Amino acid sequence: MNHNASSAEIISGSSDALASTPAFSPLYQQIKDLILQGLQSGEWKPGEVIPSEIELAARFRVSQGTVRKAIDALAGDHLLVRRQGKGTFVATHAEHHVQYRFLKLQPDNGDLNSEGPAQREIVDCKRLRATAEVARALALRAGDAVLQVRRVLSFSGAATILEDLWLPGGPFKGLTADRLTEYHGPMYALFETEFGVRMVRAEEKIRAVLPDPSQCQLLQVTPGTPLLSVERVAYTYNDTPMELRRGLYRTDTHHYHNKLS
C-alpha cells in the first residue's frame, strides 16, 4: 500500500473503526487512531507488550515506517513505552518513572529520592451525589453518584499535600477506604489494575490560597500560611474525564516543578 492510501483502503481487512475519519487525515495518524482504539478496548492492557512494527504493518497493510511514526506519536503522548531489545509496551502508572508523572511537587534540595515515597493517610471515603460543579467537571449529571476521597500525603513525616478527589461512581464501584489504605502502589496504578481506568492526560488550574480551619489541622499549618491550590481534571482515553482532584500543597520545603516544551 502506498502512503496516499485512502481510509477505506486501510479499513479493508483490518477494521471498520475509521469510517468517520476524514480522508485528509495523515496516514500515520490513522494508524495511531487504530492502535489507540486497541488500547481503549483493552486489547493491549497496561504493562503488556503490543505487536511488533512488522506485525502491525501487516495487520493494517501499511509500511513499517508509517507504523513507527504512529508509535512514536503514542510514545510522545506517554501512552506507549519503547524498551530497547524488548519491544513496545503499554505505559502503566505502576512503572517508577511514570508514577509521579502528574505530581509536580518536588523537594527544594532537588533530590526526589531523598525523602522516599509519600506516606498516605485516607481521611475519608464516601459515596454521594454530584454537585453541579463536580458533575460539570466529570461530564456527569447533577445528582449522579460519585465517590469522594480525602487523603493526606506526608514526606519525611511532615504533612505536605491535602487532596480531595471526586470519581464517577459507575467505573469505580467497589472502591473503599480500606482498599485505598491497603494498596501501597500509586493510586492511578490501582485504578488501572482493578477498575480498568487509565489516566492518560490531565489539565490543571493553579492559584495561591489560605487554608480553612479543617485544612490547617490536617496540614498542621497556621491560618495565615499560604498554600498552593492545584485543581486537576484527569482524563482516560477519548478525552473522557475520570477524576476531579483538588490539592493543597505546602511549599515551605517543596516547590512546584514543571517542564515546558
Protein backbone atom coordinates (compact mmCIF):
# COMPACT_ATOMS: atom_id res chain seq x y z
CA MET A 1 0.00 0.00 0.00
CA ASN A 2 1.30 3.47 -0.75
CA HIS A 3 1.30 6.34 1.71
CA ASN A 4 -1.52 8.09 -0.09
CA ALA A 5 -3.94 5.25 0.51
CA SER A 6 -7.43 6.27 1.47
CA SER A 7 -9.10 5.49 4.77
CA ALA A 8 -11.33 2.95 3.06
CA GLU A 9 -8.30 1.04 1.77
CA ILE A 10 -6.79 0.89 5.26
CA ILE A 11 -10.03 -0.33 6.74
CA SER A 12 -10.23 -3.22 4.30
CA GLY A 13 -9.09 -6.38 6.04
CA SER A 14 -8.36 -4.70 9.39
CA SER A 15 -11.11 -2.62 10.97
CA ASP A 16 -14.10 -0.50 10.13
CA ALA A 17 -13.33 1.86 13.01
CA LEU A 18 -12.05 4.60 10.73
CA ALA A 19 -15.31 5.04 8.86
CA SER A 20 -15.67 8.56 10.22
CA THR A 21 -12.01 9.54 9.78
CA PRO A 22 -11.58 12.29 7.18
CA ALA A 23 -9.69 11.17 4.07
CA PHE A 24 -7.22 14.04 4.52
CA SER A 25 -6.01 12.70 7.88
CA PRO A 26 -2.30 11.74 7.58
CA LEU A 27 -1.82 8.01 7.22
CA TYR A 28 0.29 7.66 10.37
CA GLN A 29 -2.45 9.49 12.29
CA GLN A 30 -4.99 6.98 11.05
CA ILE A 31 -2.77 4.13 12.23
CA LYS A 32 -2.25 5.91 15.54
CA ASP A 33 -6.03 6.09 15.94
CA LEU A 34 -6.37 2.35 15.22
CA ILE A 35 -3.73 1.48 17.82
CA LEU A 36 -5.39 3.85 20.26
CA GLN A 37 -8.69 2.06 19.74
CA GLY A 38 -6.94 -1.18 20.65
CA LEU A 39 -5.74 0.44 23.88
CA GLN A 40 -9.20 1.80 24.63
CA SER A 41 -10.87 -1.56 24.09
CA GLY A 42 -8.36 -3.35 26.32
CA GLU A 43 -6.87 -5.42 23.53
CA TRP A 44 -3.47 -4.49 25.00
CA LYS A 45 -3.54 -3.75 28.71
CA PRO A 46 -1.19 -1.52 30.76
CA GLY A 47 2.21 -3.16 31.10
CA GLU A 48 1.66 -5.57 28.18
CA VAL A 49 3.73 -5.64 25.01
CA ILE A 50 1.98 -4.68 21.78
CA PRO A 51 2.65 -6.45 18.44
CA SER A 52 5.86 -5.56 16.63
CA GLU A 53 6.01 -2.86 13.98
CA ILE A 54 6.21 -5.56 11.30
CA GLU A 55 3.12 -7.32 12.65
CA LEU A 56 1.15 -4.08 12.89
CA ALA A 57 2.26 -3.05 9.39
CA ALA A 58 0.91 -6.34 8.04
CA ARG A 59 -2.29 -6.02 10.05
CA PHE A 60 -3.05 -2.51 8.83
CA ARG A 61 -1.48 -3.02 5.37
CA VAL A 62 0.87 -0.04 5.60
CA SER A 63 4.63 0.38 5.67
CA GLN A 64 6.67 -0.30 8.78
CA GLY A 65 7.82 3.33 8.70
CA THR A 66 4.22 4.53 8.97
CA VAL A 67 3.63 2.27 11.98
CA ARG A 68 6.86 3.51 13.55
CA LYS A 69 5.74 7.12 13.20
CA ALA A 70 2.38 6.29 14.79
CA ILE A 71 4.07 4.51 17.70
CA ASP A 72 6.48 7.42 18.15
CA ALA A 73 3.49 9.74 18.46
CA LEU A 74 1.83 7.49 21.06
CA ALA A 75 5.11 7.23 22.98
CA GLY A 76 5.33 11.01 22.92
CA ASP A 77 1.86 11.09 24.48
CA HIS A 78 3.10 8.72 27.26
CA LEU A 79 0.68 6.01 26.12
CA LEU A 80 3.37 3.58 24.93
CA VAL A 81 6.92 2.93 26.16
CA ARG A 82 9.73 1.60 23.98
CA ARG A 83 12.23 -0.75 25.64
CA GLN A 84 15.42 -1.45 23.77
CA GLY A 85 15.60 -5.08 22.70
CA LYS A 86 12.26 -5.95 24.33
CA GLY A 87 9.60 -4.21 22.28
CA THR A 88 6.95 -1.57 22.84
CA PHE A 89 4.74 -1.74 25.91
CA VAL A 90 1.54 -0.08 27.03
CA ALA A 91 2.53 2.55 29.56
CA THR A 92 1.40 1.96 33.12
CA HIS A 93 1.37 4.11 36.24
CA ALA A 94 2.95 1.18 38.08
CA GLU A 95 6.30 1.96 36.45
CA HIS A 96 8.62 4.00 38.65
CA HIS A 97 9.37 6.71 36.11
CA VAL A 98 5.64 7.18 35.42
CA GLN A 99 4.35 7.03 38.99
CA TYR A 100 4.81 10.72 39.66
CA ARG A 101 4.10 12.00 36.16
CA PHE A 102 1.17 14.08 37.44
CA LEU A 103 2.74 15.00 40.79
CA LYS A 104 4.85 18.09 40.20
CA LEU A 105 5.78 18.88 43.81
CA GLN A 106 9.47 18.31 44.45
CA PRO A 107 11.73 18.85 47.48
CA ASP A 108 13.76 22.06 47.44
CA ASN A 109 17.01 20.06 47.52
CA GLY A 110 16.10 18.64 44.11
CA ASP A 111 16.60 15.01 45.16
CA LEU A 112 13.37 13.09 44.56
CA ASN A 113 14.78 10.03 46.34
CA SER A 114 15.87 11.86 49.48
CA GLU A 115 12.54 11.57 51.25
CA GLY A 116 11.29 8.25 49.89
CA PRO A 117 7.70 7.53 48.83
CA ALA A 118 4.89 9.58 50.27
CA GLN A 119 3.13 8.30 53.38
CA ARG A 120 -0.60 8.29 52.70
CA GLU A 121 -3.50 8.64 55.10
CA ILE A 122 -7.07 8.19 53.88
CA VAL A 123 -9.10 10.69 55.89
CA ASP A 124 -12.47 9.98 54.31
CA CYS A 125 -14.02 7.94 51.51
CA LYS A 126 -17.74 8.19 50.84
CA ARG A 127 -20.34 7.96 48.12
CA LEU A 128 -22.59 10.93 47.50
CA ARG A 129 -24.48 12.81 44.81
CA ALA A 130 -22.51 15.04 42.47
CA THR A 131 -22.97 18.77 42.87
CA ALA A 132 -23.46 20.79 39.70
CA GLU A 133 -19.80 21.85 39.79
CA VAL A 134 -18.44 18.31 40.20
CA ALA A 135 -20.86 16.94 37.62
CA ARG A 136 -19.75 19.55 35.09
CA ALA A 137 -16.07 18.68 35.61
CA LEU A 138 -16.73 14.93 35.21
CA ALA A 139 -19.26 15.24 32.36
CA LEU A 140 -21.99 13.80 34.59
CA ARG A 141 -25.46 14.98 35.53
CA ALA A 142 -26.03 16.78 38.80
CA GLY A 143 -27.10 14.18 41.33
CA ASP A 144 -25.24 11.30 39.71
CA ALA A 145 -23.32 9.05 42.12
CA VAL A 146 -19.68 9.98 42.77
CA LEU A 147 -17.02 8.76 45.16
CA GLN A 148 -15.30 11.43 47.23
CA VAL A 149 -11.91 10.70 48.77
CA ARG A 150 -9.87 12.91 51.08
CA ARG A 151 -6.28 11.99 51.84
CA VAL A 152 -3.09 13.50 53.25
CA LEU A 153 0.34 12.86 51.72
CA SER A 154 3.31 13.24 54.03
CA PHE A 155 7.02 13.34 53.20
CA SER A 156 9.62 12.55 55.87
CA GLY A 157 6.80 12.57 58.40
CA ALA A 158 5.53 16.07 57.54
CA ALA A 159 2.02 16.50 56.14
CA THR A 160 2.61 18.20 52.79
CA ILE A 161 -0.38 17.66 50.47
CA LEU A 162 -4.10 17.54 51.25
CA GLU A 163 -6.17 16.15 48.40
CA ASP A 164 -9.89 15.89 47.74
CA LEU A 165 -10.86 13.61 44.85
CA TRP A 166 -14.16 13.02 43.10
CA LEU A 167 -14.57 9.92 40.92
CA PRO A 168 -17.61 8.85 38.86
CA GLY A 169 -19.50 6.21 40.81
CA GLY A 170 -20.04 3.72 37.99
CA PRO A 171 -16.46 2.97 36.88
CA PHE A 172 -15.22 2.92 40.49
CA LYS A 173 -17.92 0.78 42.06
CA GLY A 174 -16.36 -1.21 44.89
CA LEU A 175 -13.58 1.23 45.73
CA THR A 176 -13.40 1.67 49.51
CA ALA A 177 -11.25 3.41 52.10
CA ASP A 178 -9.90 0.03 53.18
CA ARG A 179 -8.81 -0.83 49.64
CA LEU A 180 -7.13 2.54 49.21
CA THR A 181 -5.32 2.10 52.53
CA GLU A 182 -4.21 -1.47 51.76
CA TYR A 183 -2.84 -0.62 48.32
CA HIS A 184 0.77 0.55 48.57
CA GLY A 185 1.36 1.49 44.93
CA PRO A 186 0.33 4.65 43.11
CA MET A 187 -3.40 5.37 43.16
CA TYR A 188 -3.52 5.57 39.36
CA ALA A 189 -1.98 2.09 39.17
CA LEU A 190 -4.82 0.82 41.37
CA PHE A 191 -7.32 2.43 39.02
CA GLU A 192 -5.65 0.61 36.10
CA THR A 193 -5.36 -2.85 37.57
CA GLU A 194 -8.65 -3.13 39.47
CA PHE A 195 -11.01 -0.80 37.64
CA GLY A 196 -9.66 -0.75 34.10
CA VAL A 197 -9.32 3.04 34.10
CA ARG A 198 -6.06 4.50 32.84
CA MET A 199 -5.42 8.22 33.25
CA VAL A 200 -3.67 9.41 30.10
CA ARG A 201 -3.62 13.19 30.47
CA ALA A 202 -4.65 15.96 32.84
CA GLU A 203 -5.42 19.66 32.95
CA GLU A 204 -4.61 21.82 35.97
CA LYS A 205 -5.50 25.18 37.42
CA ILE A 206 -3.12 26.68 39.97
CA ARG A 207 -3.63 29.53 42.42
CA ALA A 208 -2.48 30.68 45.86
CA VAL A 209 -4.96 30.28 48.73
CA LEU A 210 -5.24 30.39 52.52
CA PRO A 211 -6.42 27.28 54.40
CA ASP A 212 -9.67 26.93 56.32
CA PRO A 213 -9.62 25.56 59.91
CA SER A 214 -10.00 21.90 58.94
CA GLN A 215 -7.27 22.20 56.30
CA CYS A 216 -4.99 23.85 58.87
CA GLN A 217 -5.47 20.91 61.20
CA LEU A 218 -4.78 18.26 58.56
CA LEU A 219 -1.71 20.03 57.14
CA GLN A 220 -0.50 21.24 60.56
CA VAL A 221 -0.23 24.88 59.47
CA THR A 222 -1.50 28.21 60.79
CA PRO A 223 -4.44 30.06 59.21
CA GLY A 224 -2.13 32.60 57.57
CA THR A 225 0.05 30.02 55.80
CA PRO A 226 -0.07 30.46 52.02
CA LEU A 227 -0.77 27.23 50.16
CA LEU A 228 -0.66 26.28 46.51
CA SER A 229 -4.04 25.11 45.25
CA VAL A 230 -3.86 22.70 42.30
CA GLU A 231 -7.15 21.66 40.71
CA ARG A 232 -6.80 18.83 38.22
CA VAL A 233 -9.16 17.03 35.88
CA ALA A 234 -7.66 13.74 34.70
CA TYR A 235 -8.86 12.04 31.54
CA THR A 236 -8.80 8.50 30.25
CA TYR A 237 -8.84 7.59 26.57
CA ASN A 238 -11.14 9.50 24.22
CA ASP A 239 -10.90 12.61 26.44
CA THR A 240 -13.32 11.17 28.99
CA PRO A 241 -12.92 12.87 32.41
CA MET A 242 -12.47 10.33 35.19
CA GLU A 243 -11.23 12.34 38.15
CA LEU A 244 -11.55 15.78 39.68
CA ARG A 245 -8.77 16.38 42.18
CA ARG A 246 -8.18 19.44 44.34
CA GLY A 247 -4.86 19.52 46.15
CA LEU A 248 -3.47 21.94 48.68
CA TYR A 249 0.34 21.94 48.70
CA ARG A 250 2.67 23.22 51.38
CA THR A 251 5.62 24.92 49.72
CA ASP A 252 7.84 25.73 52.71
CA THR A 253 10.16 22.80 51.86
CA HIS A 254 8.86 21.90 48.38
CA HIS A 255 8.19 23.65 45.09
CA TYR A 256 6.01 23.02 42.05
CA HIS A 257 8.20 21.94 39.15
CA ASN A 258 7.07 21.62 35.55
CA LYS A 259 8.95 21.17 32.30
CA LEU A 260 7.63 23.10 29.33
CA SER A 261 8.37 22.22 25.73
